[in-house]
Amino acid sequence: MSETTLPPMFAKDLAQMRAGDIAGMLLNYHPDAQIVRLPDVVASGNREIRSFLDGYVGMRPKILEIISIKEADDTVLYHSKIDIGGREMGIVGTWVLRDDLIWRQTAVIVPAS
């Protein structure tokens, strides 16, 4: 999938992640945001989300391919192929937006094949 066809917030967040711009990424989140990632992450509010993003971006994930993405009303559903620490994995997740910011994010990292 061409990155020029990505939803604007997704493209912005992806560029910030690639640049390691955690402060910029934080601005994409609603003040009442929450991230739930399987198997064991629940991050609520600015401080916990910053800590989560510090750890995730610190692993230097590389988005290899956006396999599929669908936007409907306030929800974005995505499936991407990523490289984390030399391991090719898949990531499937959702964003629910409120006030044009990420209010709820869910994700699970799965085997690539």
PDB file of N, CA and C in Angstrom:
ATOM      1  N   MET A   1       0.846  -1.179   0.000  1.00  0.00           N
ATOM      2  CA  MET A   1       0.000   0.000   0.000  1.00  0.00           C
ATOM      3  C   MET A   1       0.890   1.240   0.000  1.00  0.00           C
ATOM      4  N   SER A   2       0.568   2.186  -0.828  1.00  0.00           N
ATOM      5  CA  SER A   2       1.326   3.422  -0.918  1.00  0.00           C
ATOM      6  C   SER A   2       1.085   4.290   0.315  1.00  0.00           C
ATOM      7  N   GLU A   3       2.152   4.829   0.856  1.00  0.00           N
ATOM      8  CA  GLU A   3       2.015   5.672   2.039  1.00  0.00           C
ATOM      9  C   GLU A   3       1.353   7.008   1.722  1.00  0.00           C
ATOM     10  N   THR A   4       1.230   7.359   0.456  1.00  0.00           N
ATOM     11  CA  THR A   4       0.541   8.606   0.114  1.00  0.00           C
ATOM     12  C   THR A   4      -0.970   8.470   0.270  1.00  0.00           C
ATOM     13  N   THR A   5      -1.472   7.241   0.411  1.00  0.00           N
ATOM     14  CA  THR A   5      -2.910   7.038   0.569  1.00  0.00           C
ATOM     15  C   THR A   5      -3.310   6.763   2.023  1.00  0.00           C
ATOM     16  N   LEU A   6      -2.389   6.891   2.951  1.00  0.00           N
ATOM     17  CA  LEU A   6      -2.688   6.649   4.360  1.00  0.00           C
ATOM     18  C   LEU A   6      -3.541   7.770   4.936  1.00  0.00           C
ATOM     19  N   PRO A   7      -4.404   7.447   5.920  1.00  0.00           N
ATOM     20  CA  PRO A   7      -5.122   8.516   6.618  1.00  0.00           C
ATOM     21  C   PRO A   7      -4.117   9.518   7.189  1.00  0.00           C
ATOM     22  N   PRO A   8      -4.423  10.807   7.146  1.00  0.00           N
ATOM     23  CA  PRO A   8      -3.449  11.833   7.542  1.00  0.00           C
ATOM     24  C   PRO A   8      -2.838  11.625   8.935  1.00  0.00           C
ATOM     25  N   MET A   9      -3.644  11.312   9.944  1.00  0.00           N
ATOM     26  CA  MET A   9      -3.094  11.132  11.295  1.00  0.00           C
ATOM     27  C   MET A   9      -2.150   9.938  11.340  1.00  0.00           C
ATOM     28  N   PHE A  10      -2.478   8.871  10.622  1.00  0.00           N
ATOM     29  CA  PHE A  10      -1.632   7.685  10.595  1.00  0.00           C
ATOM     30  C   PHE A  10      -0.292   8.012   9.935  1.00  0.00           C
ATOM     31  N   ALA A  11      -0.335   8.720   8.819  1.00  0.00           N
ATOM     32  CA  ALA A  11       0.893   9.102   8.116  1.00  0.00           C
ATOM     33  C   ALA A  11       1.761  10.002   8.992  1.00  0.00           C
ATOM     34  N   LYS A  12       1.123  10.943   9.683  1.00  0.00           N
ATOM     35  CA  LYS A  12       1.853  11.859  10.574  1.00  0.00           C
ATOM     36  C   LYS A  12       2.518  11.078  11.713  1.00  0.00           C
ATOM     37  N   ASP A  13       1.767  10.201  12.368  1.00  0.00           N
ATOM     38  CA  ASP A  13       2.299   9.429  13.486  1.00  0.00           C
ATOM     39  C   ASP A  13       3.431   8.512  13.024  1.00  0.00           C
ATOM     40  N   LEU A  14       3.285   7.909  11.862  1.00  0.00           N
ATOM     41  CA  LEU A  14       4.313   7.034  11.306  1.00  0.00           C
ATOM     42  C   LEU A  14       5.601   7.810  11.049  1.00  0.00           C
ATOM     43  N   ALA A  15       5.485   8.989  10.462  1.00  0.00           N
ATOM     44  CA  ALA A  15       6.676   9.820  10.204  1.00  0.00           C
ATOM     45  C   ALA A  15       7.351  10.215  11.518  1.00  0.00           C
ATOM     46  N   GLN A  16       6.562  10.555  12.519  1.00  0.00           N
ATOM     47  CA  GLN A  16       7.126  10.928  13.820  1.00  0.00           C
ATOM     48  C   GLN A  16       7.822   9.738  14.470  1.00  0.00           C
ATOM     49  N   MET A  17       7.214   8.551  14.365  1.00  0.00           N
ATOM     50  CA  MET A  17       7.836   7.364  14.937  1.00  0.00           C
ATOM     51  C   MET A  17       9.169   7.084  14.261  1.00  0.00           C
ATOM     52  N   ARG A  18       9.195   7.174  12.937  1.00  0.00           N
ATOM     53  CA  ARG A  18      10.443   6.934  12.200  1.00  0.00           C
ATOM     54  C   ARG A  18      11.522   7.930  12.584  1.00  0.00           C
ATOM     55  N   ALA A  19      11.115   9.159  12.918  1.00  0.00           N
ATOM     56  CA  ALA A  19      12.067  10.193  13.311  1.00  0.00           C
ATOM     57  C   ALA A  19      12.432  10.121  14.799  1.00  0.00           C
ATOM     58  N   GLY A  20      11.768   9.250  15.540  1.00  0.00           N
ATOM     59  CA  GLY A  20      12.006   9.167  16.979  1.00  0.00           C
ATOM     60  C   GLY A  20      11.436  10.352  17.733  1.00  0.00           C
ATOM     61  N   ASP A  21      10.443  11.013  17.166  1.00  0.00           N
ATOM     62  CA  ASP A  21       9.845  12.224  17.738  1.00  0.00           C
ATOM     63  C   ASP A  21       8.717  11.865  18.705  1.00  0.00           C
ATOM     64  N   ILE A  22       9.091  11.431  19.893  1.00  0.00           N
ATOM     65  CA  ILE A  22       8.103  11.017  20.889  1.00  0.00           C
ATOM     66  C   ILE A  22       7.258  12.200  21.343  1.00  0.00           C
ATOM     67  N   ALA A  23       7.862  13.360  21.507  1.00  0.00           N
ATOM     68  CA  ALA A  23       7.098  14.552  21.905  1.00  0.00           C
ATOM     69  C   ALA A  23       6.025  14.865  20.867  1.00  0.00           C
ATOM     70  N   GLY A  24       6.360  14.757  19.595  1.00  0.00           N
ATOM     71  CA  GLY A  24       5.384  14.973  18.531  1.00  0.00           C
ATOM     72  C   GLY A  24       4.300  13.918  18.541  1.00  0.00           C
ATOM     73  N   MET A  25       4.692  12.658  18.760  1.00  0.00           N
ATOM     74  CA  MET A  25       3.708  11.585  18.818  1.00  0.00           C
ATOM     75  C   MET A  25       2.717  11.810  19.955  1.00  0.00           C
ATOM     76  N   LEU A  26       3.211  12.260  21.097  1.00  0.00           N
ATOM     77  CA  LEU A  26       2.332  12.510  22.244  1.00  0.00           C
ATOM     78  C   LEU A  26       1.246  13.526  21.924  1.00  0.00           C
ATOM     79  N   LEU A  27       1.553  14.488  21.059  1.00  0.00           N
ATOM     80  CA  LEU A  27       0.565  15.498  20.684  1.00  0.00           C
ATOM     81  C   LEU A  27      -0.583  14.902  19.871  1.00  0.00           C
ATOM     82  N   ASN A  28      -0.405  13.682  19.351  1.00  0.00           N
ATOM     83  CA  ASN A  28      -1.457  13.017  18.587  1.00  0.00           C
ATOM     84  C   ASN A  28      -2.500  12.356  19.484  1.00  0.00           C
ATOM     85  N   TYR A  29      -2.210  12.278  20.790  1.00  0.00           N
ATOM     86  CA  TYR A  29      -3.080  11.574  21.724  1.00  0.00           C
ATOM     87  C   TYR A  29      -3.982  12.531  22.494  1.00  0.00           C
ATOM     88  N   HIS A  30      -5.215  12.139  22.626  1.00  0.00           N
ATOM     89  CA  HIS A  30      -6.216  12.869  23.408  1.00  0.00           C
ATOM     90  C   HIS A  30      -5.786  12.872  24.883  1.00  0.00           C
ATOM     91  N   PRO A  31      -6.127  13.911  25.654  1.00  0.00           N
ATOM     92  CA  PRO A  31      -5.758  13.931  27.083  1.00  0.00           C
ATOM     93  C   PRO A  31      -6.274  12.717  27.864  1.00  0.00           C
ATOM     94  N   ASP A  32      -7.387  12.114  27.430  1.00  0.00           N
ATOM     95  CA  ASP A  32      -7.946  10.943  28.105  1.00  0.00           C
ATOM     96  C   ASP A  32      -7.612   9.645  27.360  1.00  0.00           C
ATOM     97  N   ALA A  33      -6.519   9.639  26.614  1.00  0.00           N
ATOM     98  CA  ALA A  33      -6.165   8.487  25.786  1.00  0.00           C
ATOM     99  C   ALA A  33      -5.784   7.275  26.621  1.00  0.00           C
ATOM    100  N   GLN A  34      -5.936   6.124  25.974  1.00  0.00           N
ATOM    101  CA  GLN A  34      -5.528   4.860  26.568  1.00  0.00           C
ATOM    102  C   GLN A  34      -5.003   3.948  25.453  1.00  0.00           C
ATOM    103  N   ILE A  35      -3.914   3.239  25.752  1.00  0.00           N
ATOM    104  CA  ILE A  35      -3.352   2.243  24.842  1.00  0.00           C
ATOM    105  C   ILE A  35      -3.482   0.883  25.512  1.00  0.00           C
ATOM    106  N   VAL A  36      -4.006  -0.087  24.767  1.00  0.00           N
ATOM    107  CA  VAL A  36      -4.078  -1.465  25.243  1.00  0.00           C
ATOM    108  C   VAL A  36      -3.368  -2.314  24.194  1.00  0.00           C
ATOM    109  N   ARG A  37      -2.307  -2.983  24.627  1.00  0.00           N
ATOM    110  CA  ARG A  37      -1.554  -3.837  23.698  1.00  0.00           C
ATOM    111  C   ARG A  37      -1.372  -5.202  24.351  1.00  0.00           C
ATOM    112  N   LEU A  38      -1.747  -6.233  23.585  1.00  0.00           N
ATOM    113  CA  LEU A  38      -1.533  -7.592  24.081  1.00  0.00           C
ATOM    114  C   LEU A  38      -0.058  -7.938  23.991  1.00  0.00           C
ATOM    115  N   PRO A  39       0.531  -8.619  24.946  1.00  0.00           N
ATOM    116  CA  PRO A  39      -0.176  -9.352  25.972  1.00  0.00           C
ATOM    117  C   PRO A  39      -0.366  -8.605  27.292  1.00  0.00           C
ATOM    118  N   ASP A  40       0.358  -7.500  27.524  1.00  0.00           N
ATOM    119  CA  ASP A  40       0.370  -7.009  28.906  1.00  0.00           C
ATOM    120  C   ASP A  40       0.475  -5.494  29.090  1.00  0.00           C
ATOM    121  N   VAL A  41       0.127  -4.685  28.115  1.00  0.00           N
ATOM    122  CA  VAL A  41       0.267  -3.231  28.257  1.00  0.00           C
ATOM    123  C   VAL A  41      -1.101  -2.572  28.352  1.00  0.00           C
ATOM    124  N   VAL A  42      -1.260  -1.755  29.383  1.00  0.00           N
ATOM    125  CA  VAL A  42      -2.353  -0.794  29.458  1.00  0.00           C
ATOM    126  C   VAL A  42      -1.703   0.503  29.910  1.00  0.00           C
ATOM    127  N   ALA A  43      -1.761   1.515  29.065  1.00  0.00           N
ATOM    128  CA  ALA A  43      -1.177   2.818  29.369  1.00  0.00           C
ATOM    129  C   ALA A  43      -2.276   3.864  29.264  1.00  0.00           C
ATOM    130  N   SER A  44      -2.484   4.602  30.337  1.00  0.00           N
ATOM    131  CA  SER A  44      -3.532   5.621  30.386  1.00  0.00           C
ATOM    132  C   SER A  44      -2.919   6.967  30.727  1.00  0.00           C
ATOM    133  N   GLY A  45      -3.330   7.992  29.995  1.00  0.00           N
ATOM    134  CA  GLY A  45      -2.858   9.344  30.288  1.00  0.00           C
ATOM    135  C   GLY A  45      -1.465   9.609  29.745  1.00  0.00           C
ATOM    136  N   ASN A  46      -1.119  10.869  29.749  1.00  0.00           N
ATOM    137  CA  ASN A  46       0.110  11.352  29.122  1.00  0.00           C
ATOM    138  C   ASN A  46       1.371  10.683  29.666  1.00  0.00           C
ATOM    139  N   ARG A  47       1.506  10.564  30.963  1.00  0.00           N
ATOM    140  CA  ARG A  47       2.740  10.032  31.551  1.00  0.00           C
ATOM    141  C   ARG A  47       2.946   8.562  31.182  1.00  0.00           C
ATOM    142  N   GLU A  48       1.904   7.755  31.316  1.00  0.00           N
ATOM    143  CA  GLU A  48       2.031   6.331  30.991  1.00  0.00           C
ATOM    144  C   GLU A  48       2.208   6.110  29.487  1.00  0.00           C
ATOM    145  N   ILE A  49       1.519   6.905  28.684  1.00  0.00           N
ATOM    146  CA  ILE A  49       1.669   6.771  27.233  1.00  0.00           C
ATOM    147  C   ILE A  49       3.066   7.183  26.803  1.00  0.00           C
ATOM    148  N   ARG A  50       3.604   8.235  27.400  1.00  0.00           N
ATOM    149  CA  ARG A  50       4.988   8.632  27.096  1.00  0.00           C
ATOM    150  C   ARG A  50       5.953   7.494  27.429  1.00  0.00           C
ATOM    151  N   SER A  51       5.770   6.874  28.576  1.00  0.00           N
ATOM    152  CA  SER A  51       6.640   5.760  28.974  1.00  0.00           C
ATOM    153  C   SER A  51       6.525   4.608  27.978  1.00  0.00           C
ATOM    154  N   PHE A  52       5.297   4.294  27.569  1.00  0.00           N
ATOM    155  CA  PHE A  52       5.092   3.244  26.566  1.00  0.00           C
ATOM    156  C   PHE A  52       5.797   3.595  25.258  1.00  0.00           C
ATOM    157  N   LEU A  53       5.592   4.830  24.780  1.00  0.00           N
ATOM    158  CA  LEU A  53       6.210   5.244  23.514  1.00  0.00           C
ATOM    159  C   LEU A  53       7.733   5.250  23.615  1.00  0.00           C
ATOM    160  N   ASP A  54       8.279   5.681  24.756  1.00  0.00           N
ATOM    161  CA  ASP A  54       9.733   5.636  24.957  1.00  0.00           C
ATOM    162  C   ASP A  54      10.255   4.211  24.742  1.00  0.00           C
ATOM    163  N   GLY A  55       9.570   3.242  25.356  1.00  0.00           N
ATOM    164  CA  GLY A  55       9.988   1.845  25.227  1.00  0.00           C
ATOM    165  C   GLY A  55       9.824   1.309  23.819  1.00  0.00           C
ATOM    166  N   TYR A  56       8.674   1.607  23.207  1.00  0.00           N
ATOM    167  CA  TYR A  56       8.399   1.082  21.864  1.00  0.00           C
ATOM    168  C   TYR A  56       9.344   1.700  20.831  1.00  0.00           C
ATOM    169  N   VAL A  57       9.447   3.007  20.817  1.00  0.00           N
ATOM    170  CA  VAL A  57      10.331   3.676  19.850  1.00  0.00           C
ATOM    171  C   VAL A  57      11.786   3.295  20.124  1.00  0.00           C
ATOM    172  N   GLY A  58      12.109   3.060  21.394  1.00  0.00           N
ATOM    173  CA  GLY A  58      13.456   2.629  21.761  1.00  0.00           C
ATOM    174  C   GLY A  58      13.846   1.287  21.155  1.00  0.00           C
ATOM    175  N   MET A  59      12.858   0.454  20.815  1.00  0.00           N
ATOM    176  CA  MET A  59      13.138  -0.826  20.151  1.00  0.00           C
ATOM    177  C   MET A  59      13.440  -0.629  18.668  1.00  0.00           C
ATOM    178  N   ARG A  60      13.301   0.593  18.184  1.00  0.00           N
ATOM    179  CA  ARG A  60      13.552   0.955  16.792  1.00  0.00           C
ATOM    180  C   ARG A  60      12.761   0.094  15.794  1.00  0.00           C
ATOM    181  N   PRO A  61      11.437   0.061  15.960  1.00  0.00           N
ATOM    182  CA  PRO A  61      10.645  -0.725  15.003  1.00  0.00           C
ATOM    183  C   PRO A  61      10.712  -0.102  13.622  1.00  0.00           C
ATOM    184  N   LYS A  62      10.771  -0.950  12.619  1.00  0.00           N
ATOM    185  CA  LYS A  62      10.765  -0.485  11.231  1.00  0.00           C
ATOM    186  C   LYS A  62       9.507  -1.015  10.563  1.00  0.00           C
ATOM    187  N   ILE A  63       8.709  -0.112  10.040  1.00  0.00           N
ATOM    188  CA  ILE A  63       7.523  -0.529   9.300  1.00  0.00           C
ATOM    189  C   ILE A  63       7.993  -0.971   7.921  1.00  0.00           C
ATOM    190  N   LEU A  64       7.832  -2.241   7.634  1.00  0.00           N
ATOM    191  CA  LEU A  64       8.254  -2.791   6.351  1.00  0.00           C
ATOM    192  C   LEU A  64       7.173  -2.644   5.287  1.00  0.00           C
ATOM    193  N   GLU A  65       5.909  -2.768   5.720  1.00  0.00           N
ATOM    194  CA  GLU A  65       4.798  -2.706   4.772  1.00  0.00           C
ATOM    195  C   GLU A  65       3.505  -2.429   5.531  1.00  0.00           C
ATOM    196  N   ILE A  66       2.689  -1.546   5.000  1.00  0.00           N
ATOM    197  CA  ILE A  66       1.322  -1.374   5.470  1.00  0.00           C
ATOM    198  C   ILE A  66       0.497  -2.350   4.621  1.00  0.00           C
ATOM    199  N   ILE A  67       0.101  -3.453   5.203  1.00  0.00           N
ATOM    200  CA  ILE A  67      -0.615  -4.486   4.454  1.00  0.00           C
ATOM    201  C   ILE A  67      -2.024  -4.017   4.120  1.00  0.00           C
ATOM    202  N   SER A  68      -2.689  -3.453   5.114  1.00  0.00           N
ATOM    203  CA  SER A  68      -4.052  -2.996   4.908  1.00  0.00           C
ATOM    204  C   SER A  68      -4.387  -1.937   5.951  1.00  0.00           C
ATOM    205  N   ILE A  69      -5.211  -0.983   5.562  1.00  0.00           N
ATOM    206  CA  ILE A  69      -5.678   0.029   6.500  1.00  0.00           C
ATOM    207  C   ILE A  69      -7.059   0.468   6.052  1.00  0.00           C
ATOM    208  N   LYS A  70      -7.936   0.641   7.015  1.00  0.00           N
ATOM    209  CA  LYS A  70      -9.311   1.042   6.714  1.00  0.00           C
ATOM    210  C   LYS A  70      -9.736   2.081   7.734  1.00  0.00           C
ATOM    211  N   GLU A  71     -10.323   3.158   7.224  1.00  0.00           N
ATOM    212  CA  GLU A  71     -10.810   4.231   8.082  1.00  0.00           C
ATOM    213  C   GLU A  71     -12.316   4.349   7.883  1.00  0.00           C
ATOM    214  N   ALA A  72     -13.060   4.411   8.975  1.00  0.00           N
ATOM    215  CA  ALA A  72     -14.507   4.596   8.923  1.00  0.00           C
ATOM    216  C   ALA A  72     -14.920   5.450  10.112  1.00  0.00           C
ATOM    217  N   ASP A  73     -15.535   6.577   9.812  1.00  0.00           N
ATOM    218  CA  ASP A  73     -15.959   7.512  10.856  1.00  0.00           C
ATOM    219  C   ASP A  73     -14.779   7.841  11.772  1.00  0.00           C
ATOM    220  N   ASP A  74     -14.838   7.429  13.029  1.00  0.00           N
ATOM    221  CA  ASP A  74     -13.800   7.791  13.996  1.00  0.00           C
ATOM    222  C   ASP A  74     -12.810   6.657  14.264  1.00  0.00           C
ATOM    223  N   THR A  75     -12.796   5.624  13.413  1.00  0.00           N
ATOM    224  CA  THR A  75     -11.994   4.437  13.689  1.00  0.00           C
ATOM    225  C   THR A  75     -11.046   4.134  12.529  1.00  0.00           C
ATOM    226  N   VAL A  76      -9.820   3.774  12.889  1.00  0.00           N
ATOM    227  CA  VAL A  76      -8.812   3.336  11.923  1.00  0.00           C
ATOM    228  C   VAL A  76      -8.379   1.926  12.339  1.00  0.00           C
ATOM    229  N   LEU A  77      -8.442   0.994  11.399  1.00  0.00           N
ATOM    230  CA  LEU A  77      -7.994  -0.378  11.614  1.00  0.00           C
ATOM    231  C   LEU A  77      -6.810  -0.618  10.684  1.00  0.00           C
ATOM    232  N   TYR A  78      -5.724  -1.143  11.237  1.00  0.00           N
ATOM    233  CA  TYR A  78      -4.528  -1.326  10.409  1.00  0.00           C
ATOM    234  C   TYR A  78      -3.877  -2.678  10.638  1.00  0.00           C
ATOM    235  N   HIS A  79      -3.148  -3.127   9.609  1.00  0.00           N
ATOM    236  CA  HIS A  79      -2.362  -4.353   9.646  1.00  0.00           C
ATOM    237  C   HIS A  79      -1.062  -4.042   8.924  1.00  0.00           C
ATOM    238  N   SER A  80       0.047  -4.151   9.636  1.00  0.00           N
ATOM    239  CA  SER A  80       1.353  -3.816   9.075  1.00  0.00           C
ATOM    240  C   SER A  80       2.347  -4.939   9.320  1.00  0.00           C
ATOM    241  N   LYS A  81       3.381  -4.960   8.490  1.00  0.00           N
ATOM    242  CA  LYS A  81       4.520  -5.848   8.705  1.00  0.00           C
ATOM    243  C   LYS A  81       5.648  -4.992   9.264  1.00  0.00           C
ATOM    244  N   ILE A  82       6.240  -5.425  10.385  1.00  0.00           N
ATOM    245  CA  ILE A  82       7.285  -4.641  11.032  1.00  0.00           C
ATOM    246  C   ILE A  82       8.508  -5.513  11.305  1.00  0.00           C
ATOM    247  N   ASP A  83       9.617  -4.832  11.505  1.00  0.00           N
ATOM    248  CA  ASP A  83      10.853  -5.478  11.950  1.00  0.00           C
ATOM    249  C   ASP A  83      11.167  -4.901  13.325  1.00  0.00           C
ATOM    250  N   ILE A  84      11.251  -5.785  14.301  1.00  0.00           N
ATOM    251  CA  ILE A  84      11.655  -5.369  15.650  1.00  0.00           C
ATOM    252  C   ILE A  84      12.835  -6.236  16.040  1.00  0.00           C
ATOM    253  N   GLY A  85      13.988  -5.607  16.206  1.00  0.00           N
ATOM    254  CA  GLY A  85      15.180  -6.338  16.613  1.00  0.00           C
ATOM    255  C   GLY A  85      15.583  -7.444  15.667  1.00  0.00           C
ATOM    256  N   GLY A  86      15.370  -7.220  14.366  1.00  0.00           N
ATOM    257  CA  GLY A  86      15.748  -8.214  13.382  1.00  0.00           C
ATOM    258  C   GLY A  86      14.719  -9.316  13.186  1.00  0.00           C
ATOM    259  N   ARG A  87      13.586  -9.212  13.877  1.00  0.00           N
ATOM    260  CA  ARG A  87      12.514 -10.201  13.723  1.00  0.00           C
ATOM    261  C   ARG A  87      11.364  -9.573  12.955  1.00  0.00           C
ATOM    262  N   GLU A  88      10.962 -10.220  11.880  1.00  0.00           N
ATOM    263  CA  GLU A  88       9.828  -9.743  11.097  1.00  0.00           C
ATOM    264  C   GLU A  88       8.538 -10.213  11.765  1.00  0.00           C
ATOM    265  N   MET A  89       7.662  -9.265  12.078  1.00  0.00           N
ATOM    266  CA  MET A  89       6.420  -9.554  12.777  1.00  0.00           C
ATOM    267  C   MET A  89       5.276  -8.818  12.094  1.00  0.00           C
ATOM    268  N   GLY A  90       4.074  -9.157  12.471  1.00  0.00           N
ATOM    269  CA  GLY A  90       2.904  -8.411  12.036  1.00  0.00           C
ATOM    270  C   GLY A  90       2.370  -7.615  13.210  1.00  0.00           C
ATOM    271  N   ILE A  91       1.707  -6.531  12.943  1.00  0.00           N
ATOM    272  CA  ILE A  91       1.025  -5.781  13.995  1.00  0.00           C
ATOM    273  C   ILE A  91      -0.364  -5.427  13.471  1.00  0.00           C
ATOM    274  N   VAL A  92      -1.352  -5.716  14.285  1.00  0.00           N
ATOM    275  CA  VAL A  92      -2.738  -5.419  13.957  1.00  0.00           C
ATOM    276  C   VAL A  92      -3.268  -4.534  15.074  1.00  0.00           C
ATOM    277  N   GLY A  93      -3.917  -3.445  14.690  1.00  0.00           N
ATOM    278  CA  GLY A  93      -4.403  -2.548  15.724  1.00  0.00           C
ATOM    279  C   GLY A  93      -5.523  -1.647  15.261  1.00  0.00           C
ATOM    280  N   THR A  94      -6.046  -0.925  16.220  1.00  0.00           N
ATOM    281  CA  THR A  94      -7.094   0.059  15.947  1.00  0.00           C
ATOM    282  C   THR A  94      -6.786   1.357  16.672  1.00  0.00           C
ATOM    283  N   TRP A  95      -7.271   2.427  16.096  1.00  0.00           N
ATOM    284  CA  TRP A  95      -7.332   3.724  16.760  1.00  0.00           C
ATOM    285  C   TRP A  95      -8.788   4.157  16.740  1.00  0.00           C
ATOM    286  N   VAL A  96      -9.265   4.661  17.840  1.00  0.00           N
ATOM    287  CA  VAL A  96     -10.540   5.363  17.877  1.00  0.00           C
ATOM    288  C   VAL A  96     -10.192   6.819  18.170  1.00  0.00           C
ATOM    289  N   LEU A  97     -10.659   7.699  17.307  1.00  0.00           N
ATOM    290  CA  LEU A  97     -10.318   9.116  17.421  1.00  0.00           C
ATOM    291  C   LEU A  97     -11.427   9.880  18.137  1.00  0.00           C
ATOM    292  N   ARG A  98     -11.024  10.878  18.890  1.00  0.00           N
ATOM    293  CA  ARG A  98     -11.940  11.822  19.514  1.00  0.00           C
ATOM    294  C   ARG A  98     -11.289  13.189  19.378  1.00  0.00           C
ATOM    295  N   ASP A  99     -12.046  14.148  18.895  1.00  0.00           N
ATOM    296  CA  ASP A  99     -11.506  15.493  18.655  1.00  0.00           C
ATOM    297  C   ASP A  99     -10.285  15.445  17.746  1.00  0.00           C
ATOM    298  N   ASP A 100     -10.303  14.549  16.768  1.00  0.00           N
ATOM    299  CA  ASP A 100      -9.219  14.359  15.792  1.00  0.00           C
ATOM    300  C   ASP A 100      -7.901  13.913  16.417  1.00  0.00           C
ATOM    301  N   LEU A 101      -7.957  13.340  17.610  1.00  0.00           N
ATOM    302  CA  LEU A 101      -6.785  12.804  18.297  1.00  0.00           C
ATOM    303  C   LEU A 101      -7.037  11.345  18.652  1.00  0.00           C
ATOM    304  N   ILE A 102      -5.959  10.598  18.873  1.00  0.00           N
ATOM    305  CA  ILE A 102      -6.086   9.195  19.243  1.00  0.00           C
ATOM    306  C   ILE A 102      -6.606   9.125  20.676  1.00  0.00           C
ATOM    307  N   TRP A 103      -7.794   8.541  20.832  1.00  0.00           N
ATOM    308  CA  TRP A 103      -8.418   8.420  22.152  1.00  0.00           C
ATOM    309  C   TRP A 103      -8.235   7.009  22.705  1.00  0.00           C
ATOM    310  N   ARG A 104      -8.397   6.004  21.849  1.00  0.00           N
ATOM    311  CA  ARG A 104      -8.183   4.615  22.232  1.00  0.00           C
ATOM    312  C   ARG A 104      -7.359   3.938  21.148  1.00  0.00           C
ATOM    313  N   GLN A 105      -6.328   3.215  21.596  1.00  0.00           N
ATOM    314  CA  GLN A 105      -5.478   2.467  20.667  1.00  0.00           C
ATOM    315  C   GLN A 105      -5.355   1.051  21.186  1.00  0.00           C
ATOM    316  N   THR A 106      -5.559   0.086  20.305  1.00  0.00           N
ATOM    317  CA  THR A 106      -5.334  -1.305  20.647  1.00  0.00           C
ATOM    318  C   THR A 106      -4.365  -1.891  19.629  1.00  0.00           C
ATOM    319  N   ALA A 107      -3.596  -2.868  20.047  1.00  0.00           N
ATOM    320  CA  ALA A 107      -2.664  -3.502  19.103  1.00  0.00           C
ATOM    321  C   ALA A 107      -2.223  -4.862  19.644  1.00  0.00           C
ATOM    322  N   VAL A 108      -1.869  -5.713  18.720  1.00  0.00           N
ATOM    323  CA  VAL A 108      -1.272  -6.994  19.053  1.00  0.00           C
ATOM    324  C   VAL A 108      -0.197  -7.299  18.005  1.00  0.00           C
ATOM    325  N   ILE A 109       0.945  -7.747  18.476  1.00  0.00           N
ATOM    326  CA  ILE A 109       2.028  -8.155  17.589  1.00  0.00           C
ATOM    327  C   ILE A 109       1.880  -9.659  17.378  1.00  0.00           C
ATOM    328  N   VAL A 110       1.867 -10.060  16.108  1.00  0.00           N
ATOM    329  CA  VAL A 110       1.608 -11.448  15.744  1.00  0.00           C
ATOM    330  C   VAL A 110       2.712 -11.938  14.809  1.00  0.00           C
ATOM    331  N   PRO A 111       2.825 -13.249  14.629  1.00  0.00           N
ATOM    332  CA  PRO A 111       3.802 -13.742  13.656  1.00  0.00           C
ATOM    333  C   PRO A 111       3.513 -13.155  12.269  1.00  0.00           C
ATOM    334  N   ALA A 112       4.550 -12.960  11.489  1.00  0.00           N
ATOM    335  CA  ALA A 112       4.393 -12.334  10.172  1.00  0.00           C
ATOM    336  C   ALA A 112       3.689 -13.257   9.187  1.00  0.00           C
ATOM    337  N   SER A 113       3.813 -14.538   9.353  1.00  0.00           N
ATOM    338  CA  SER A 113       3.173 -15.437   8.374  1.00  0.00           C
ATOM    339  C   SER A 113       2.144 -16.317   9.029  1.00  0.00           C
TER     340      SER A 113
END
